[in-house]
Amino acid sequence: MSTHSYKYKAFVERGIDALNANNMEAFLNPSGFSAHFIKYLLPQSMNWPPQTREEWYEDLKSGFVGQNYVEWKVTIQSYWEDTRDRSAIIWCTERGTFVGDRNYEMDYVMRYKFDEEGKLLKLWELTDSHLQKSLENKHQEKGDADNDEASLE
């Protein structure tokens, strides 16, 4: 039986553990992020703009999550890593309860890209677009989302 050594898995797991503990300061600790970090929420047809670490932090701490969820937990189902490409991909399941006691469960795919120093450079989140669109107008004006374009970059 061979043991695989992962370079980025501990970073990813620490982040998920901090997220599940609702510790946004630990989840988005600047020391793990490149100064050029960008997060993409896909599909791009939703027209959500890319976010910096600071914008994502604010969104999670006081925006979408803070206003809609009573409980929120992410479980990693599968993990893949490509050290030559400095990237990792997780398939995860998010479970939660919305304000108003409505339960939520959805699978997500997250792609991580790291810089030469091992800091998170880019994150692509392929999310439940139907849910996000239904809540979109409640929080921000995002514009027309009829564009079918979608990519990972």
Protein backbone atom coordinates (compact mmCIF):
# COMPACT_ATOMS: atom_id res chain seq x y z
CA MET A 1 0.00 0.00 0.00
CA SER A 2 1.53 3.31 -1.06
CA THR A 3 1.02 6.56 0.75
CA HIS A 4 0.53 9.64 -1.35
CA SER A 5 2.07 12.87 -0.13
CA TYR A 6 -0.07 15.93 -0.76
CA LYS A 7 1.40 19.40 -0.86
CA TYR A 8 -1.79 21.50 -0.58
CA LYS A 9 -4.26 19.21 1.20
CA ALA A 10 -3.51 20.52 4.72
CA PHE A 11 -4.19 24.10 3.54
CA VAL A 12 -7.52 23.08 1.97
CA GLU A 13 -8.60 21.04 5.01
CA ARG A 14 -7.64 23.82 7.47
CA GLY A 15 -9.77 26.21 5.45
CA ILE A 16 -12.79 23.91 5.44
CA ASP A 17 -12.40 23.26 9.20
CA ALA A 18 -12.28 27.02 9.88
CA LEU A 19 -15.29 27.61 7.62
CA ASN A 20 -17.25 24.91 9.43
CA ALA A 21 -16.35 26.50 12.77
CA ASN A 22 -17.65 29.83 11.39
CA ASN A 23 -14.19 31.29 11.99
CA MET A 24 -13.90 33.61 9.00
CA GLU A 25 -10.68 35.18 10.35
CA ALA A 26 -8.93 31.78 10.26
CA PHE A 27 -10.65 30.75 7.01
CA LEU A 28 -9.41 33.80 5.13
CA ASN A 29 -6.20 34.44 7.06
CA PRO A 30 -4.13 36.69 4.77
CA SER A 31 -0.93 34.70 5.40
CA GLY A 32 -2.23 31.85 3.20
CA PHE A 33 -3.26 34.06 0.29
CA SER A 34 -1.26 35.59 -2.52
CA ALA A 35 -1.44 39.38 -2.73
CA HIS A 36 -2.94 38.79 -6.20
CA PHE A 37 -5.65 36.35 -5.08
CA ILE A 38 -8.90 36.27 -7.07
CA LYS A 39 -12.01 34.13 -6.46
CA TYR A 40 -14.39 33.26 -9.28
CA LEU A 41 -17.99 32.17 -8.72
CA LEU A 42 -19.16 30.03 -11.63
CA PRO A 43 -20.91 29.72 -13.91
CA GLN A 44 -19.82 33.05 -15.32
CA SER A 45 -23.25 33.39 -16.93
CA MET A 46 -24.43 34.52 -13.48
CA ASN A 47 -22.27 37.64 -13.98
CA TRP A 48 -20.82 37.57 -10.47
CA PRO A 49 -17.66 39.64 -10.54
CA PRO A 50 -14.36 38.12 -9.38
CA GLN A 51 -13.57 38.89 -5.74
CA THR A 52 -10.39 39.76 -3.91
CA ARG A 53 -9.70 38.07 -0.57
CA GLU A 54 -11.00 41.15 1.24
CA GLU A 55 -14.24 41.25 -0.79
CA TRP A 56 -14.81 37.53 -0.23
CA TYR A 57 -14.16 37.94 3.50
CA GLU A 58 -16.71 40.73 3.75
CA ASP A 59 -19.24 38.74 1.71
CA LEU A 60 -18.90 35.70 3.95
CA LYS A 61 -18.72 37.52 7.27
CA SER A 62 -21.51 40.04 6.92
CA GLY A 63 -23.18 39.43 3.60
CA PHE A 64 -24.70 36.36 2.01
CA VAL A 65 -23.87 33.78 4.70
CA GLY A 66 -24.48 36.04 7.65
CA GLN A 67 -27.93 37.01 6.37
CA ASN A 68 -29.21 33.66 5.08
CA TYR A 69 -27.77 30.72 7.00
CA VAL A 70 -28.50 29.54 10.52
CA GLU A 71 -26.16 26.54 10.12
CA TRP A 72 -23.59 25.79 7.46
CA LYS A 73 -21.19 22.86 7.04
CA VAL A 74 -18.99 21.67 4.19
CA THR A 75 -17.81 18.06 3.86
CA ILE A 76 -15.06 17.10 1.41
CA GLN A 77 -16.15 14.07 -0.62
CA SER A 78 -13.07 13.75 -2.87
CA TYR A 79 -9.72 15.49 -3.21
CA TRP A 80 -7.39 15.63 -6.23
CA GLU A 81 -4.07 17.39 -6.51
CA ASP A 82 -1.59 18.17 -9.28
CA THR A 83 1.64 19.49 -7.75
CA ARG A 84 3.22 20.22 -11.17
CA ASP A 85 0.27 22.54 -11.94
CA ARG A 86 0.21 23.80 -8.31
CA SER A 87 -3.50 23.03 -8.13
CA ALA A 88 -6.04 21.05 -6.15
CA ILE A 89 -9.69 20.23 -6.75
CA ILE A 90 -12.28 19.18 -4.22
CA TRP A 91 -15.76 17.82 -4.62
CA CYS A 92 -17.65 18.78 -1.50
CA THR A 93 -21.16 18.79 -0.10
CA GLU A 94 -22.58 21.81 1.65
CA ARG A 95 -25.42 21.29 4.10
CA GLY A 96 -27.19 23.99 5.99
CA THR A 97 -30.33 25.52 7.30
CA PHE A 98 -31.52 28.85 6.03
CA VAL A 99 -33.20 31.49 8.11
CA GLY A 100 -36.81 30.30 8.17
CA ASP A 101 -35.79 26.66 8.78
CA ARG A 102 -35.44 25.69 5.11
CA ASN A 103 -32.85 22.91 4.72
CA TYR A 104 -30.20 23.04 2.01
CA GLU A 105 -27.87 20.40 0.58
CA MET A 106 -25.82 20.75 -2.60
CA ASP A 107 -22.60 19.43 -4.13
CA TYR A 108 -19.90 21.88 -5.16
CA VAL A 109 -16.59 21.70 -7.01
CA MET A 110 -13.78 24.00 -5.92
CA ARG A 111 -10.54 24.41 -7.88
CA TYR A 112 -7.53 25.91 -6.08
CA LYS A 113 -4.46 27.35 -7.82
CA PHE A 114 -1.36 28.16 -5.75
CA ASP A 115 1.57 30.47 -6.48
CA GLU A 116 5.27 29.52 -6.34
CA GLU A 117 5.33 30.17 -2.57
CA GLY A 118 2.39 27.85 -1.90
CA LYS A 119 -0.08 30.68 -1.28
CA LEU A 120 -3.58 30.57 -2.73
CA LEU A 121 -3.60 32.54 -5.99
CA LYS A 122 -6.98 31.66 -7.53
CA LEU A 123 -10.11 29.84 -6.50
CA TRP A 124 -12.95 28.77 -8.77
CA GLU A 125 -16.22 27.84 -7.06
CA LEU A 126 -18.76 26.02 -9.18
CA THR A 127 -21.86 26.53 -7.11
CA ASP A 128 -25.58 25.93 -7.07
CA SER A 129 -26.44 28.58 -9.63
CA HIS A 130 -30.21 28.16 -9.26
CA LEU A 131 -30.04 28.98 -5.55
CA GLN A 132 -27.62 31.85 -6.08
CA LYS A 133 -29.80 33.41 -8.79
CA SER A 134 -32.92 33.14 -6.63
CA LEU A 135 -31.19 35.02 -3.80
CA GLU A 136 -29.26 37.43 -6.00
CA ASN A 137 -31.69 40.35 -6.07
CA LYS A 138 -32.08 40.19 -2.30
CA HIS A 139 -28.47 41.27 -1.77
CA GLN A 140 -26.99 43.04 -4.80
CA GLU A 141 -27.74 44.20 -8.30
CA LYS A 142 -25.63 42.00 -10.59
CA GLY A 143 -26.99 42.95 -14.01
CA ASP A 144 -28.30 40.75 -16.79
CA ALA A 145 -27.30 37.09 -16.34
CA ASP A 146 -28.41 35.70 -19.71
CA ASN A 147 -24.87 35.22 -21.01
CA ASP A 148 -24.12 31.51 -21.53
CA GLU A 149 -20.32 31.94 -21.40
CA ALA A 150 -18.59 29.77 -18.77
CA SER A 151 -14.96 28.87 -18.27
CA LEU A 152 -12.47 28.21 -15.51
CA GLU A 153 -10.42 31.32 -16.25
